Protein backbone atom coordinates (compact mmCIF):
# COMPACT_ATOMS: atom_id res chain seq x y z
CA UNK A 1 0.00 0.00 0.00
CA UNK A 2 2.73 2.46 0.91
CA UNK A 3 5.10 3.85 -1.74
CA UNK A 4 8.42 2.05 -1.94
CA UNK A 5 8.14 0.02 1.25
CA UNK A 6 11.63 -0.78 2.46
CA UNK A 7 12.39 -4.40 3.14
CA UNK A 8 13.74 -4.19 6.66
CA UNK A 9 14.74 -6.98 8.99
CA UNK A 10 12.32 -8.26 11.56
CA UNK A 11 9.05 -10.06 11.87
CA UNK A 12 5.62 -8.47 12.02
CA UNK A 13 3.16 -10.46 14.07
CA UNK A 14 0.01 -10.01 16.10
CA UNK A 15 0.81 -8.43 19.46
CA UNK A 16 0.24 -10.40 22.65
CA UNK A 17 -0.14 -9.54 26.34
CA UNK A 18 3.50 -10.56 26.83
CA UNK A 19 4.47 -7.61 24.59
CA UNK A 20 2.62 -5.01 26.69
CA UNK A 21 5.62 -3.92 28.77
CA UNK A 22 7.79 -3.34 25.67
CA UNK A 23 4.93 -1.50 23.97
CA UNK A 24 4.44 0.70 27.05
CA UNK A 25 8.17 1.50 27.05
CA UNK A 26 7.98 2.66 23.42
CA UNK A 27 4.80 4.66 24.00
CA UNK A 28 6.05 6.31 27.19
CA UNK A 29 8.84 8.04 25.28
CA UNK A 30 6.18 9.80 23.20
CA UNK A 31 4.03 10.62 26.24
CA UNK A 32 6.92 12.25 28.07
CA UNK A 33 8.72 13.96 25.20
CA UNK A 34 6.37 14.76 22.32
CA UNK A 35 2.98 16.04 21.23
CA UNK A 36 2.42 12.86 19.20
CA UNK A 37 0.03 11.64 21.87
CA UNK A 38 -2.11 13.74 24.16
CA UNK A 39 -1.65 11.37 27.07
CA UNK A 40 0.47 13.02 29.72
CA UNK A 41 1.06 10.29 32.30
CA UNK A 42 3.25 7.26 31.47
CA UNK A 43 1.50 3.90 31.26
CA UNK A 44 2.57 0.48 32.48
CA UNK A 45 2.33 -2.89 30.81
CA UNK A 46 -0.63 -3.57 33.12
CA UNK A 47 -2.43 -0.61 31.56
CA UNK A 48 -1.38 -1.42 27.99
CA UNK A 49 -2.41 -5.11 28.03
CA UNK A 50 -6.16 -4.42 28.41
CA UNK A 51 -5.94 -1.80 25.66
CA UNK A 52 -4.46 -4.42 23.37
CA UNK A 53 -7.10 -6.95 24.41
CA UNK A 54 -9.87 -4.45 23.62
CA UNK A 55 -8.49 -3.91 20.10
CA UNK A 56 -8.34 -7.67 19.53
CA UNK A 57 -11.83 -8.18 21.02
CA UNK A 58 -13.17 -5.66 18.48
CA UNK A 59 -11.69 -7.79 15.68
CA UNK A 60 -9.01 -5.26 14.82
CA UNK A 61 -5.27 -5.89 14.39
CA UNK A 62 -2.56 -4.89 16.86
CA UNK A 63 0.77 -5.64 15.20
CA UNK A 64 4.29 -5.60 16.58
CA UNK A 65 7.61 -5.48 14.76
CA UNK A 66 10.19 -7.68 16.41
CA UNK A 67 13.86 -7.57 15.47
CA UNK A 68 16.30 -10.00 17.08
CA UNK A 69 13.89 -10.66 19.94
CA UNK A 70 13.18 -6.98 20.67
CA UNK A 71 9.96 -5.09 19.96
CA UNK A 72 10.93 -2.01 17.91
CA UNK A 73 7.48 -0.79 16.98
CA UNK A 74 3.79 -1.43 16.86
CA UNK A 75 0.74 -0.44 14.85
CA UNK A 76 -2.92 -0.99 15.50
CA UNK A 77 -6.36 0.02 14.34
CA UNK A 78 -9.49 0.85 16.23
CA UNK A 79 -12.99 1.94 15.37
CA UNK A 80 -13.12 5.54 14.19
CA UNK A 81 -16.40 6.24 16.01
CA UNK A 82 -18.89 4.11 17.93
CA UNK A 83 -21.96 4.69 15.72
CA UNK A 84 -22.81 1.79 13.40
CA UNK A 85 -22.59 3.86 10.21
CA UNK A 86 -18.84 4.25 10.91
CA UNK A 87 -18.26 0.48 11.00
CA UNK A 88 -16.20 0.50 7.78
CA UNK A 89 -13.85 3.23 8.99
CA UNK A 90 -10.83 2.60 11.20
CA UNK A 91 -8.31 4.83 12.90
CA UNK A 92 -4.71 3.68 12.45
CA UNK A 93 -1.81 4.32 14.82
CA UNK A 94 1.89 3.52 14.64
CA UNK A 95 4.72 4.03 17.14
CA UNK A 96 8.40 3.14 16.88
CA UNK A 97 11.16 2.85 19.42
CA UNK A 98 12.78 6.31 19.34
CA UNK A 99 16.12 4.74 18.36
CA UNK A 100 14.54 2.88 15.43
CA UNK A 101 13.00 5.76 13.50
CA UNK A 102 14.00 6.68 9.96
CA UNK A 103 14.75 3.10 8.89
CA UNK A 104 11.50 2.18 7.14
CA UNK A 105 9.97 0.29 10.05
CA UNK A 106 6.95 2.58 10.27
CA UNK A 107 6.18 2.22 6.58
CA UNK A 108 6.52 -1.54 6.79
CA UNK A 109 4.20 -1.75 9.80
CA UNK A 110 1.66 0.54 8.15
CA UNK A 111 1.76 -1.44 4.90
CA UNK A 112 0.89 -4.65 6.73
CA UNK A 113 -1.74 -2.93 8.87
CA UNK A 114 -3.47 -1.31 5.88
CA UNK A 115 -3.50 -4.60 3.96
CA UNK A 116 -5.08 -6.28 7.00
CA UNK A 117 -7.72 -3.58 7.26
CA UNK A 118 -8.60 -4.00 3.60
CA UNK A 119 -8.98 -7.75 4.16
CA UNK A 120 -11.30 -6.98 7.08
CA UNK A 121 -13.55 -4.99 4.77
CA UNK A 122 -12.61 -1.52 5.96
CA UNK A 123 -13.36 1.23 3.44
CA UNK A 124 -11.62 4.22 5.01
CA UNK A 125 -8.70 4.69 7.39
CA UNK A 126 -7.92 7.88 9.28
CA UNK A 127 -4.82 8.99 11.09
CA UNK A 128 -4.82 11.76 13.68
CA UNK A 129 -1.58 13.72 13.87
CA UNK A 130 -0.55 16.25 16.51
CA UNK A 131 1.10 19.06 14.58
CA UNK A 132 3.77 19.88 13.69
CA UNK A 133 5.02 16.36 12.96
CA UNK A 134 6.82 16.11 9.61
CA UNK A 135 7.73 12.45 10.09
CA UNK A 136 4.15 11.30 10.66
CA UNK A 137 2.76 13.49 7.87
CA UNK A 138 5.41 12.07 5.54
CA UNK A 139 4.61 8.49 6.53
CA UNK A 140 0.88 8.94 6.03
CA UNK A 141 1.25 10.71 2.70
CA UNK A 142 3.73 8.09 1.43
CA UNK A 143 1.01 5.53 2.17
CA UNK A 144 -1.60 7.42 0.13
CA UNK A 145 -3.32 9.36 2.91
CA UNK A 146 -4.49 12.89 2.15
CA UNK A 147 -5.12 15.68 4.63
CA UNK A 148 -8.85 15.81 5.30
CA UNK A 149 -9.17 18.17 8.26
CA UNK A 150 -7.34 20.50 10.59
CA UNK A 151 -8.52 21.15 14.14
CA UNK A 152 -6.65 24.17 15.52
CA UNK A 153 -5.68 24.20 19.18
CA UNK A 154 -7.70 21.18 20.34
CA UNK A 155 -4.98 19.82 22.63
CA UNK A 156 -2.93 21.45 25.37
CA UNK A 157 0.40 19.84 26.24
CA UNK A 158 3.73 21.15 27.50
CA UNK A 159 2.18 24.54 28.20
CA UNK A 160 0.99 25.21 24.67
CA UNK A 161 -1.96 24.62 22.36
CA UNK A 162 -1.54 21.88 19.76
CA UNK A 163 -3.32 21.49 16.43
CA UNK A 164 -4.51 18.09 15.18
CA UNK A 165 -4.63 17.15 11.53
CA UNK A 166 -6.68 14.27 10.19
CA UNK A 167 -5.32 12.32 7.24
CA UNK A 168 -7.57 9.87 5.37
CA UNK A 169 -7.07 6.95 3.03
CA UNK A 170 -9.82 5.21 1.06
CA UNK A 171 -8.95 1.56 0.68
C-alpha atoms as a PDB file:
ATOM      1  CA  UNK A   1       0.000   0.000   0.000  1.00  0.00           C
ATOM      2  CA  UNK A   2       2.727   2.464   0.906  1.00  0.00           C
ATOM      3  CA  UNK A   3       5.095   3.851  -1.736  1.00  0.00           C
ATOM      4  CA  UNK A   4       8.424   2.050  -1.936  1.00  0.00           C
ATOM      5  CA  UNK A   5       8.136   0.017   1.252  1.00  0.00           C
ATOM      6  CA  UNK A   6      11.628  -0.776   2.456  1.00  0.00           C
ATOM      7  CA  UNK A   7      12.387  -4.397   3.142  1.00  0.00           C
ATOM      8  CA  UNK A   8      13.736  -4.193   6.659  1.00  0.00           C
ATOM      9  CA  UNK A   9      14.736  -6.983   8.992  1.00  0.00           C
ATOM     10  CA  UNK A  10      12.320  -8.259  11.563  1.00  0.00           C
ATOM     11  CA  UNK A  11       9.046 -10.057  11.867  1.00  0.00           C
ATOM     12  CA  UNK A  12       5.620  -8.474  12.020  1.00  0.00           C
ATOM     13  CA  UNK A  13       3.160 -10.461  14.073  1.00  0.00           C
ATOM     14  CA  UNK A  14       0.012 -10.009  16.105  1.00  0.00           C
ATOM     15  CA  UNK A  15       0.810  -8.425  19.462  1.00  0.00           C
ATOM     16  CA  UNK A  16       0.238 -10.397  22.655  1.00  0.00           C
ATOM     17  CA  UNK A  17      -0.143  -9.536  26.336  1.00  0.00           C
ATOM     18  CA  UNK A  18       3.499 -10.561  26.826  1.00  0.00           C
ATOM     19  CA  UNK A  19       4.469  -7.609  24.590  1.00  0.00           C
ATOM     20  CA  UNK A  20       2.624  -5.014  26.694  1.00  0.00           C
ATOM     21  CA  UNK A  21       5.619  -3.925  28.769  1.00  0.00           C
ATOM     22  CA  UNK A  22       7.791  -3.339  25.673  1.00  0.00           C
ATOM     23  CA  UNK A  23       4.932  -1.495  23.972  1.00  0.00           C
ATOM     24  CA  UNK A  24       4.437   0.702  27.049  1.00  0.00           C
ATOM     25  CA  UNK A  25       8.171   1.503  27.051  1.00  0.00           C
ATOM     26  CA  UNK A  26       7.980   2.664  23.420  1.00  0.00           C
ATOM     27  CA  UNK A  27       4.805   4.657  24.003  1.00  0.00           C
ATOM     28  CA  UNK A  28       6.048   6.313  27.194  1.00  0.00           C
ATOM     29  CA  UNK A  29       8.841   8.041  25.281  1.00  0.00           C
ATOM     30  CA  UNK A  30       6.176   9.804  23.195  1.00  0.00           C
ATOM     31  CA  UNK A  31       4.029  10.615  26.237  1.00  0.00           C
ATOM     32  CA  UNK A  32       6.922  12.247  28.073  1.00  0.00           C
ATOM     33  CA  UNK A  33       8.723  13.959  25.197  1.00  0.00           C
ATOM     34  CA  UNK A  34       6.372  14.758  22.318  1.00  0.00           C
ATOM     35  CA  UNK A  35       2.982  16.040  21.227  1.00  0.00           C
ATOM     36  CA  UNK A  36       2.423  12.859  19.197  1.00  0.00           C
ATOM     37  CA  UNK A  37       0.027  11.640  21.872  1.00  0.00           C
ATOM     38  CA  UNK A  38      -2.114  13.736  24.159  1.00  0.00           C
ATOM     39  CA  UNK A  39      -1.649  11.366  27.069  1.00  0.00           C
ATOM     40  CA  UNK A  40       0.473  13.022  29.716  1.00  0.00           C
ATOM     41  CA  UNK A  41       1.064  10.293  32.301  1.00  0.00           C
ATOM     42  CA  UNK A  42       3.248   7.259  31.465  1.00  0.00           C
ATOM     43  CA  UNK A  43       1.498   3.900  31.263  1.00  0.00           C
ATOM     44  CA  UNK A  44       2.574   0.475  32.485  1.00  0.00           C
ATOM     45  CA  UNK A  45       2.326  -2.894  30.808  1.00  0.00           C
ATOM     46  CA  UNK A  46      -0.631  -3.567  33.119  1.00  0.00           C
ATOM     47  CA  UNK A  47      -2.428  -0.607  31.562  1.00  0.00           C
ATOM     48  CA  UNK A  48      -1.375  -1.421  27.991  1.00  0.00           C
ATOM     49  CA  UNK A  49      -2.408  -5.111  28.026  1.00  0.00           C
ATOM     50  CA  UNK A  50      -6.158  -4.416  28.410  1.00  0.00           C
ATOM     51  CA  UNK A  51      -5.945  -1.802  25.655  1.00  0.00           C
ATOM     52  CA  UNK A  52      -4.462  -4.422  23.365  1.00  0.00           C
ATOM     53  CA  UNK A  53      -7.101  -6.949  24.410  1.00  0.00           C
ATOM     54  CA  UNK A  54      -9.875  -4.455  23.621  1.00  0.00           C
ATOM     55  CA  UNK A  55      -8.493  -3.913  20.098  1.00  0.00           C
ATOM     56  CA  UNK A  56      -8.345  -7.666  19.528  1.00  0.00           C
ATOM     57  CA  UNK A  57     -11.830  -8.178  21.016  1.00  0.00           C
ATOM     58  CA  UNK A  58     -13.173  -5.659  18.477  1.00  0.00           C
ATOM     59  CA  UNK A  59     -11.694  -7.786  15.683  1.00  0.00           C
ATOM     60  CA  UNK A  60      -9.005  -5.261  14.817  1.00  0.00           C
ATOM     61  CA  UNK A  61      -5.269  -5.888  14.388  1.00  0.00           C
ATOM     62  CA  UNK A  62      -2.557  -4.893  16.858  1.00  0.00           C
ATOM     63  CA  UNK A  63       0.771  -5.640  15.199  1.00  0.00           C
ATOM     64  CA  UNK A  64       4.293  -5.603  16.579  1.00  0.00           C
ATOM     65  CA  UNK A  65       7.607  -5.477  14.760  1.00  0.00           C
ATOM     66  CA  UNK A  66      10.186  -7.682  16.414  1.00  0.00           C
ATOM     67  CA  UNK A  67      13.862  -7.566  15.466  1.00  0.00           C
ATOM     68  CA  UNK A  68      16.298 -10.002  17.075  1.00  0.00           C
ATOM     69  CA  UNK A  69      13.888 -10.662  19.940  1.00  0.00           C
ATOM     70  CA  UNK A  70      13.181  -6.976  20.665  1.00  0.00           C
ATOM     71  CA  UNK A  71       9.960  -5.089  19.962  1.00  0.00           C
ATOM     72  CA  UNK A  72      10.930  -2.011  17.915  1.00  0.00           C
ATOM     73  CA  UNK A  73       7.480  -0.787  16.977  1.00  0.00           C
ATOM     74  CA  UNK A  74       3.791  -1.425  16.857  1.00  0.00           C
ATOM     75  CA  UNK A  75       0.743  -0.440  14.849  1.00  0.00           C
ATOM     76  CA  UNK A  76      -2.920  -0.992  15.501  1.00  0.00           C
ATOM     77  CA  UNK A  77      -6.360   0.021  14.335  1.00  0.00           C
ATOM     78  CA  UNK A  78      -9.493   0.848  16.229  1.00  0.00           C
ATOM     79  CA  UNK A  79     -12.993   1.936  15.369  1.00  0.00           C
ATOM     80  CA  UNK A  80     -13.122   5.538  14.188  1.00  0.00           C
ATOM     81  CA  UNK A  81     -16.396   6.238  16.010  1.00  0.00           C
ATOM     82  CA  UNK A  82     -18.886   4.108  17.925  1.00  0.00           C
ATOM     83  CA  UNK A  83     -21.960   4.686  15.724  1.00  0.00           C
ATOM     84  CA  UNK A  84     -22.807   1.790  13.399  1.00  0.00           C
ATOM     85  CA  UNK A  85     -22.590   3.855  10.206  1.00  0.00           C
ATOM     86  CA  UNK A  86     -18.842   4.250  10.907  1.00  0.00           C
ATOM     87  CA  UNK A  87     -18.258   0.479  11.005  1.00  0.00           C
ATOM     88  CA  UNK A  88     -16.199   0.503   7.783  1.00  0.00           C
ATOM     89  CA  UNK A  89     -13.852   3.230   8.987  1.00  0.00           C
ATOM     90  CA  UNK A  90     -10.826   2.597  11.198  1.00  0.00           C
ATOM     91  CA  UNK A  91      -8.307   4.833  12.900  1.00  0.00           C
ATOM     92  CA  UNK A  92      -4.708   3.679  12.450  1.00  0.00           C
ATOM     93  CA  UNK A  93      -1.814   4.318  14.819  1.00  0.00           C
ATOM     94  CA  UNK A  94       1.892   3.516  14.643  1.00  0.00           C
ATOM     95  CA  UNK A  95       4.724   4.032  17.143  1.00  0.00           C
ATOM     96  CA  UNK A  96       8.396   3.139  16.882  1.00  0.00           C
ATOM     97  CA  UNK A  97      11.157   2.851  19.418  1.00  0.00           C
ATOM     98  CA  UNK A  98      12.783   6.308  19.343  1.00  0.00           C
ATOM     99  CA  UNK A  99      16.122   4.739  18.360  1.00  0.00           C
ATOM    100  CA  UNK A 100      14.536   2.875  15.428  1.00  0.00           C
ATOM    101  CA  UNK A 101      12.998   5.762  13.505  1.00  0.00           C
ATOM    102  CA  UNK A 102      13.997   6.682   9.956  1.00  0.00           C
ATOM    103  CA  UNK A 103      14.748   3.100   8.888  1.00  0.00           C
ATOM    104  CA  UNK A 104      11.495   2.183   7.142  1.00  0.00           C
ATOM    105  CA  UNK A 105       9.967   0.286  10.051  1.00  0.00           C
ATOM    106  CA  UNK A 106       6.947   2.575  10.268  1.00  0.00           C
ATOM    107  CA  UNK A 107       6.175   2.220   6.575  1.00  0.00           C
ATOM    108  CA  UNK A 108       6.521  -1.543   6.792  1.00  0.00           C
ATOM    109  CA  UNK A 109       4.196  -1.752   9.804  1.00  0.00           C
ATOM    110  CA  UNK A 110       1.660   0.541   8.149  1.00  0.00           C
ATOM    111  CA  UNK A 111       1.758  -1.441   4.895  1.00  0.00           C
ATOM    112  CA  UNK A 112       0.885  -4.648   6.726  1.00  0.00           C
ATOM    113  CA  UNK A 113      -1.745  -2.925   8.873  1.00  0.00           C
ATOM    114  CA  UNK A 114      -3.466  -1.314   5.879  1.00  0.00           C
ATOM    115  CA  UNK A 115      -3.496  -4.599   3.963  1.00  0.00           C
ATOM    116  CA  UNK A 116      -5.084  -6.280   7.000  1.00  0.00           C
ATOM    117  CA  UNK A 117      -7.722  -3.577   7.264  1.00  0.00           C
ATOM    118  CA  UNK A 118      -8.596  -3.996   3.604  1.00  0.00           C
ATOM    119  CA  UNK A 119      -8.981  -7.749   4.157  1.00  0.00           C
ATOM    120  CA  UNK A 120     -11.304  -6.983   7.083  1.00  0.00           C
ATOM    121  CA  UNK A 121     -13.550  -4.988   4.767  1.00  0.00           C
ATOM    122  CA  UNK A 122     -12.615  -1.516   5.964  1.00  0.00           C
ATOM    123  CA  UNK A 123     -13.364   1.228   3.443  1.00  0.00           C
ATOM    124  CA  UNK A 124     -11.621   4.222   5.011  1.00  0.00           C
ATOM    125  CA  UNK A 125      -8.699   4.691   7.390  1.00  0.00           C
ATOM    126  CA  UNK A 126      -7.919   7.879   9.276  1.00  0.00           C
ATOM    127  CA  UNK A 127      -4.817   8.987  11.091  1.00  0.00           C
ATOM    128  CA  UNK A 128      -4.824  11.756  13.679  1.00  0.00           C
ATOM    129  CA  UNK A 129      -1.581  13.722  13.869  1.00  0.00           C
ATOM    130  CA  UNK A 130      -0.554  16.252  16.513  1.00  0.00           C
ATOM    131  CA  UNK A 131       1.098  19.065  14.579  1.00  0.00           C
ATOM    132  CA  UNK A 132       3.769  19.881  13.686  1.00  0.00           C
ATOM    133  CA  UNK A 133       5.021  16.365  12.956  1.00  0.00           C
ATOM    134  CA  UNK A 134       6.818  16.109   9.608  1.00  0.00           C
ATOM    135  CA  UNK A 135       7.727  12.448  10.087  1.00  0.00           C
ATOM    136  CA  UNK A 136       4.147  11.302  10.655  1.00  0.00           C
ATOM    137  CA  UNK A 137       2.761  13.490   7.874  1.00  0.00           C
ATOM    138  CA  UNK A 138       5.414  12.071   5.537  1.00  0.00           C
ATOM    139  CA  UNK A 139       4.607   8.493   6.529  1.00  0.00           C
ATOM    140  CA  UNK A 140       0.878   8.944   6.034  1.00  0.00           C
ATOM    141  CA  UNK A 141       1.249  10.710   2.700  1.00  0.00           C
ATOM    142  CA  UNK A 142       3.733   8.089   1.426  1.00  0.00           C
ATOM    143  CA  UNK A 143       1.006   5.529   2.166  1.00  0.00           C
ATOM    144  CA  UNK A 144      -1.598   7.421   0.133  1.00  0.00           C
ATOM    145  CA  UNK A 145      -3.325   9.356   2.910  1.00  0.00           C
ATOM    146  CA  UNK A 146      -4.490  12.892   2.153  1.00  0.00           C
ATOM    147  CA  UNK A 147      -5.122  15.678   4.634  1.00  0.00           C
ATOM    148  CA  UNK A 148      -8.845  15.809   5.300  1.00  0.00           C
ATOM    149  CA  UNK A 149      -9.166  18.166   8.258  1.00  0.00           C
ATOM    150  CA  UNK A 150      -7.345  20.496  10.590  1.00  0.00           C
ATOM    151  CA  UNK A 151      -8.517  21.151  14.138  1.00  0.00           C
ATOM    152  CA  UNK A 152      -6.647  24.174  15.524  1.00  0.00           C
ATOM    153  CA  UNK A 153      -5.681  24.198  19.184  1.00  0.00           C
ATOM    154  CA  UNK A 154      -7.702  21.184  20.341  1.00  0.00           C
ATOM    155  CA  UNK A 155      -4.976  19.824  22.633  1.00  0.00           C
ATOM    156  CA  UNK A 156      -2.932  21.446  25.371  1.00  0.00           C
ATOM    157  CA  UNK A 157       0.399  19.839  26.236  1.00  0.00           C
ATOM    158  CA  UNK A 158       3.734  21.146  27.504  1.00  0.00           C
ATOM    159  CA  UNK A 159       2.176  24.536  28.202  1.00  0.00           C
ATOM    160  CA  UNK A 160       0.988  25.206  24.667  1.00  0.00           C
ATOM    161  CA  UNK A 161      -1.962  24.622  22.358  1.00  0.00           C
ATOM    162  CA  UNK A 162      -1.540  21.884  19.757  1.00  0.00           C
ATOM    163  CA  UNK A 163      -3.315  21.490  16.428  1.00  0.00           C
ATOM    164  CA  UNK A 164      -4.505  18.090  15.182  1.00  0.00           C
ATOM    165  CA  UNK A 165      -4.630  17.153  11.533  1.00  0.00           C
ATOM    166  CA  UNK A 166      -6.681  14.271  10.190  1.00  0.00           C
ATOM    167  CA  UNK A 167      -5.317  12.320   7.236  1.00  0.00           C
ATOM    168  CA  UNK A 168      -7.572   9.867   5.372  1.00  0.00           C
ATOM    169  CA  UNK A 169      -7.069   6.946   3.028  1.00  0.00           C
ATOM    170  CA  UNK A 170      -9.823   5.213   1.056  1.00  0.00           C
ATOM    171  CA  UNK A 171      -8.953   1.561   0.685  1.00  0.00           C
END
